[in-house]
Amino acid sequence: MNNALTIDLEEYFQIHVLAGHINPDTWHTFPSFVQENTQRILDMLDEKGIRATFFCLGWIAERHGDLVRRIHRMGHEVACHGYAHQVIYQQDPARFREDVTRARQVLEDATGQPVIGYRAPTYSITEKTMWALQILEEVGFRYDSSIFPIYHDNYGIPDAPRFPFRVPGKTLVEFPISTLRMGPVNLPISGGGYFRLLPYPLTKMGLRVLASSRRPFVFYIHPWELNPDTPKVPGMSAISRFRTYTGIGTARARFERLLADFRFAPARDVLTELGLL
């Protein structure tokens, strides 16, 4: 069974934890590493014959359209991560609609193909922002991968379904971020900081459990997480520094092991195999 490999395409200075330190109006003043970071991933995937989904920011696509076109030409799915990496619970419906519509148009202009997948910045479709799913369907998206069925201070719907499903009353399909059920709680094991912080054998064991259930998991990573030279931005709290930078030095080697240990495909293809698209 194929599992979904997803890359959230953004710069290191655009992450949510820095939102209170860096004004988006100043993003253009920071050194950019997204081209080099993403090319390393593209080379790794090409060497292994793996295709993935790249959830791309519209802001990135406007400035690095050649990178988005390269991703598309290499056979990967280009999906949408919004335009300016702003969490949904700090937007109203009109602003959210404008953000995703703008981002989707930029990406479709770059690739010449429909963009059908969306992932919210910082998984910010929560119980308070479920209204966003209706807007996603109305503007033309066919699937979302934003709901994280865990407890977290910035995101999460702990009692949400853990496996792909069609949103009740809609044609939109949800591919929730994968978790391992342990007693009464769901444990995050499928990417990002959890991938960097947890020992790889533990991650592999958890993903093997999911794979043995004959249900696909979705794995996610950001290009900056695989670059040990990612700049450290001052002013962050101790917990934020820990979450953001711990494990970066060994993440690339772990990622290479992950690619060898599991079968992967774009999220669009996995959902098609399940008969949901």
Protein backbone atom coordinates (compact mmCIF):
# COMPACT_ATOMS: atom_id res chain seq x y z
CA MET A 1 0.00 0.00 0.00
CA ASN A 2 1.22 3.48 -0.86
CA ASN A 3 1.38 6.14 1.81
CA ALA A 4 1.21 9.87 1.16
CA LEU A 5 4.49 11.78 1.22
CA THR A 6 3.89 15.51 1.61
CA ILE A 7 6.26 18.48 1.66
CA ASP A 8 5.09 21.81 3.09
CA LEU A 9 6.95 24.28 0.88
CA GLU A 10 7.82 27.36 2.90
CA GLU A 11 10.82 29.34 4.11
CA TYR A 12 12.33 28.96 7.58
CA PHE A 13 11.29 32.51 8.50
CA GLN A 14 7.61 31.90 7.69
CA ILE A 15 6.82 29.36 10.41
CA HIS A 16 4.02 30.17 12.84
CA VAL A 17 6.23 30.36 15.91
CA LEU A 18 7.97 33.38 14.36
CA ALA A 19 4.75 35.20 13.49
CA GLY A 20 5.10 37.40 16.55
CA HIS A 21 8.73 38.21 15.75
CA ILE A 22 8.76 38.71 11.97
CA ASN A 23 6.29 40.86 10.04
CA PRO A 24 5.37 39.30 6.67
CA ASP A 25 6.11 42.68 5.09
CA THR A 26 9.78 42.07 5.91
CA TRP A 27 10.02 38.50 4.59
CA HIS A 28 11.74 39.71 1.44
CA THR A 29 14.65 41.02 3.51
CA PHE A 30 15.65 37.59 4.81
CA PRO A 31 18.07 35.32 2.94
CA SER A 32 16.17 32.65 1.00
CA PHE A 33 17.11 28.98 1.14
CA VAL A 34 13.94 27.41 -0.29
CA GLN A 35 15.47 26.71 -3.71
CA GLU A 36 18.48 24.82 -2.34
CA ASN A 37 16.52 23.06 0.41
CA THR A 38 13.82 21.86 -1.98
CA GLN A 39 16.27 20.79 -4.65
CA ARG A 40 17.93 18.45 -2.15
CA ILE A 41 14.57 16.79 -1.57
CA LEU A 42 13.82 16.61 -5.28
CA ASP A 43 17.17 14.93 -5.92
CA MET A 44 16.56 12.39 -3.16
CA LEU A 45 13.10 11.55 -4.45
CA ASP A 46 14.25 11.34 -8.05
CA GLU A 47 17.04 8.95 -7.12
CA LYS A 48 14.51 6.63 -5.46
CA GLY A 49 11.75 7.06 -8.04
CA ILE A 50 9.34 8.51 -5.47
CA ARG A 51 6.70 11.12 -6.20
CA ALA A 52 5.21 13.35 -3.51
CA THR A 53 2.76 16.18 -2.90
CA PHE A 54 4.25 19.64 -2.40
CA PHE A 55 1.88 21.95 -0.51
CA CYS A 56 3.21 25.27 -1.81
CA LEU A 57 2.72 28.78 -0.49
CA GLY A 58 1.46 31.25 -3.06
CA TRP A 59 4.04 33.75 -1.75
CA ILE A 60 6.78 31.26 -2.64
CA ALA A 61 5.30 30.53 -6.07
CA GLU A 62 5.20 34.22 -6.99
CA ARG A 63 8.91 34.56 -6.25
CA HIS A 64 10.12 31.12 -7.24
CA GLY A 65 7.82 30.10 -10.07
CA ASP A 66 10.64 28.17 -11.70
CA LEU A 67 10.88 25.97 -8.60
CA VAL A 68 7.16 25.20 -8.65
CA ARG A 69 7.33 24.40 -12.37
CA ARG A 70 10.32 22.12 -11.73
CA ILE A 71 8.37 20.25 -9.04
CA HIS A 72 5.50 19.79 -11.49
CA ARG A 73 7.75 18.72 -14.39
CA MET A 74 9.35 16.04 -12.20
CA GLY A 75 5.97 14.39 -11.72
CA HIS A 76 5.08 15.59 -8.24
CA GLU A 77 1.69 16.94 -7.23
CA VAL A 78 1.55 20.70 -6.64
CA ALA A 79 -1.04 21.50 -3.97
CA CYS A 80 -1.88 24.66 -2.00
CA HIS A 81 -0.61 25.81 1.41
CA GLY A 82 -2.38 29.16 1.27
CA TYR A 83 -0.77 32.40 0.17
CA ALA A 84 0.90 34.05 3.17
CA HIS A 85 1.10 31.27 5.80
CA GLN A 86 -1.42 32.89 8.14
CA VAL A 87 -3.37 30.62 10.50
CA ILE A 88 -7.07 30.40 9.69
CA TYR A 89 -8.27 31.18 13.21
CA GLN A 90 -6.82 34.67 12.82
CA GLN A 91 -8.80 35.25 9.61
CA ASP A 92 -12.47 35.77 8.87
CA PRO A 93 -14.20 33.82 6.06
CA ALA A 94 -13.83 36.62 3.50
CA ARG A 95 -10.11 37.00 4.12
CA PHE A 96 -9.59 33.24 4.06
CA ARG A 97 -11.43 32.91 0.75
CA GLU A 98 -9.26 35.66 -0.72
CA ASP A 99 -6.06 34.01 0.55
CA VAL A 100 -6.74 30.53 -0.83
CA THR A 101 -8.18 31.80 -4.10
CA ARG A 102 -5.13 33.95 -4.73
CA ALA A 103 -2.72 31.16 -3.84
CA ARG A 104 -4.51 28.58 -5.98
CA GLN A 105 -4.50 30.89 -8.98
CA VAL A 106 -0.77 31.57 -8.66
CA LEU A 107 -0.02 27.84 -8.50
CA GLU A 108 -2.27 26.99 -11.43
CA ASP A 109 -0.68 29.75 -13.49
CA ALA A 110 2.73 28.24 -12.73
CA THR A 111 1.85 24.64 -13.58
CA GLY A 112 -0.98 24.98 -16.08
CA GLN A 113 -2.84 22.28 -14.15
CA PRO A 114 -5.75 22.29 -11.66
CA VAL A 115 -4.72 22.41 -8.00
CA ILE A 116 -7.07 20.17 -6.03
CA GLY A 117 -5.38 19.75 -2.62
CA TYR A 118 -5.02 22.13 0.31
CA ARG A 119 -3.25 22.15 3.67
CA ALA A 120 -3.77 24.94 6.18
CA PRO A 121 -0.76 26.69 7.70
CA THR A 122 -0.05 25.17 11.13
CA TYR A 123 -2.94 22.70 10.66
CA SER A 124 -5.27 25.52 11.67
CA ILE A 125 -8.54 23.90 10.69
CA THR A 126 -9.84 23.34 14.20
CA GLU A 127 -13.29 23.03 15.74
CA LYS A 128 -13.58 26.83 15.55
CA THR A 129 -12.65 27.02 11.87
CA MET A 130 -14.58 24.13 10.34
CA TRP A 131 -16.33 26.77 8.22
CA ALA A 132 -13.16 26.83 6.12
CA LEU A 133 -13.98 23.40 4.63
CA GLN A 134 -17.09 24.81 2.96
CA ILE A 135 -15.04 27.59 1.39
CA LEU A 136 -12.42 25.15 0.17
CA GLU A 137 -15.10 23.14 -1.61
CA GLU A 138 -16.71 26.26 -3.08
CA VAL A 139 -13.48 27.54 -4.61
CA GLY A 140 -12.70 24.18 -6.21
CA PHE A 141 -10.52 22.09 -3.93
CA ARG A 142 -11.29 18.37 -3.86
CA TYR A 143 -9.37 17.37 -0.75
CA ASP A 144 -7.93 18.89 2.41
CA SER A 145 -5.12 17.63 4.66
CA SER A 146 -5.26 20.03 7.59
CA ILE A 147 -6.95 18.26 10.49
CA PHE A 148 -4.60 16.89 13.15
CA PRO A 149 -6.44 14.54 15.55
CA ILE A 150 -4.37 15.47 18.62
CA TYR A 151 -4.26 17.86 21.58
CA HIS A 152 -1.90 20.78 20.90
CA ASP A 153 -1.62 24.38 21.99
CA ASN A 154 -1.74 25.70 18.40
CA TYR A 155 -3.97 23.22 16.54
CA GLY A 156 -5.78 19.91 16.67
CA ILE A 157 -9.20 18.25 16.82
CA PRO A 158 -8.54 15.32 19.20
CA ASP A 159 -11.72 13.38 18.39
CA ALA A 160 -11.57 13.80 14.61
CA PRO A 161 -11.44 10.67 12.42
CA ARG A 162 -7.90 9.37 12.06
CA PHE A 163 -8.11 8.06 8.51
CA PRO A 164 -9.20 9.56 5.16
CA PHE A 165 -12.91 10.31 4.92
CA ARG A 166 -15.41 12.33 2.98
CA VAL A 167 -16.56 15.36 4.96
CA PRO A 168 -20.24 14.83 5.90
CA GLY A 169 -22.55 16.70 3.56
CA LYS A 170 -19.74 17.62 1.17
CA THR A 171 -17.81 16.23 -1.77
CA LEU A 172 -14.58 17.40 -0.11
CA VAL A 173 -12.31 14.63 1.19
CA GLU A 174 -10.20 14.98 4.34
CA PHE A 175 -6.81 13.27 4.70
CA PRO A 176 -6.07 13.85 8.42
CA ILE A 177 -2.51 13.92 9.69
CA SER A 178 -1.66 10.41 10.84
CA THR A 179 -1.52 9.43 14.50
CA LEU A 180 -0.99 6.27 16.53
CA ARG A 181 -3.77 5.41 18.96
CA MET A 182 -2.47 4.61 22.43
CA GLY A 183 -5.22 4.05 24.98
CA PRO A 184 -7.41 7.17 25.10
CA VAL A 185 -5.05 9.47 23.17
CA ASN A 186 -3.63 9.87 19.67
CA LEU A 187 0.14 10.21 19.40
CA PRO A 188 1.67 12.33 16.60
CA ILE A 189 4.23 10.21 14.76
CA SER A 190 4.05 11.24 11.14
CA GLY A 191 6.41 14.12 10.53
CA GLY A 192 7.70 17.58 11.29
CA GLY A 193 9.07 18.24 14.75
CA TYR A 194 7.79 14.88 15.98
CA PHE A 195 9.95 13.18 13.36
CA ARG A 196 13.01 15.15 14.48
CA LEU A 197 12.39 14.70 18.21
CA LEU A 198 11.43 11.03 18.40
CA PRO A 199 14.02 8.26 17.90
CA TYR A 200 13.67 6.94 14.36
CA PRO A 201 13.03 3.32 15.47
CA LEU A 202 10.00 4.58 17.43
CA THR A 203 8.70 6.50 14.41
CA LYS A 204 9.21 3.47 12.19
CA MET A 205 7.43 1.18 14.65
CA GLY A 206 4.43 3.51 14.87
CA LEU A 207 4.17 3.87 11.11
CA ARG A 208 4.51 0.10 10.71
CA VAL A 209 1.52 -0.34 13.00
CA LEU A 210 -0.50 1.99 10.78
CA ALA A 211 0.68 0.23 7.63
CA SER A 212 -0.28 -3.15 9.07
CA SER A 213 -3.87 -1.93 9.42
CA ARG A 214 -4.03 -1.63 5.62
CA ARG A 215 -4.76 2.07 5.90
CA PRO A 216 -2.34 4.60 4.45
CA PHE A 217 -0.63 7.22 6.55
CA VAL A 218 0.37 10.73 5.51
CA PHE A 219 3.88 11.93 6.32
CA TYR A 220 4.93 15.58 6.24
CA ILE A 221 8.19 17.52 6.38
CA HIS A 222 9.39 21.05 5.60
CA PRO A 223 12.47 21.60 3.40
CA TRP A 224 14.16 23.76 6.06
CA GLU A 225 13.96 20.87 8.54
CA LEU A 226 16.41 18.86 6.45
CA ASN A 227 19.05 21.62 6.33
CA PRO A 228 21.38 21.59 9.36
CA ASP A 229 22.45 25.14 8.44
CA THR A 230 18.96 26.62 8.77
CA PRO A 231 19.46 30.04 10.40
CA LYS A 232 18.41 30.38 14.02
CA VAL A 233 16.17 33.39 14.49
CA PRO A 234 16.72 35.24 17.81
CA GLY A 235 13.95 36.13 20.21
CA MET A 236 12.25 32.75 20.41
CA SER A 237 11.26 31.18 23.73
CA ALA A 238 13.16 28.15 24.97
CA ILE A 239 10.30 25.77 24.14
CA SER A 240 9.97 27.26 20.66
CA ARG A 241 13.70 26.89 20.00
CA PHE A 242 13.50 23.29 21.17
CA ARG A 243 10.55 22.48 18.92
CA THR A 244 12.03 24.23 15.91
CA TYR A 245 15.70 23.29 15.85
CA THR A 246 16.16 20.05 17.78
CA GLY A 247 17.09 17.17 15.49
CA ILE A 248 17.77 19.21 12.35
CA GLY A 249 21.31 17.87 12.16
CA THR A 250 20.17 14.26 11.80
CA ALA A 251 16.82 14.78 10.04
CA ARG A 252 18.12 14.23 6.51
CA ALA A 253 19.61 10.83 7.34
CA ARG A 254 16.36 9.84 9.06
CA PHE A 255 14.38 11.00 6.05
CA GLU A 256 16.48 8.84 3.73
CA ARG A 257 15.78 5.83 5.98
CA LEU A 258 12.07 6.61 5.89
CA LEU A 259 12.06 6.67 2.08
CA ALA A 260 13.72 3.25 2.05
CA ASP A 261 11.40 1.73 4.67
CA PHE A 262 7.97 2.67 3.24
CA ARG A 263 6.15 3.05 -0.06
CA PHE A 264 5.08 6.56 -0.96
CA ALA A 265 3.00 8.41 -3.54
CA PRO A 266 1.33 11.83 -3.82
CA ALA A 267 -1.69 12.38 -1.56
CA ARG A 268 -3.89 12.76 -4.64
CA ASP A 269 -2.90 9.30 -5.87
CA VAL A 270 -3.39 7.66 -2.48
CA LEU A 271 -6.89 9.10 -2.17
CA THR A 272 -7.65 7.95 -5.71
CA GLU A 273 -6.51 4.42 -4.80
CA LEU A 274 -8.95 4.53 -1.89
CA GLY A 275 -11.79 5.50 -4.23
CA LEU A 276 -12.28 8.86 -2.53
CA LEU A 277 -11.29 11.01 -5.53
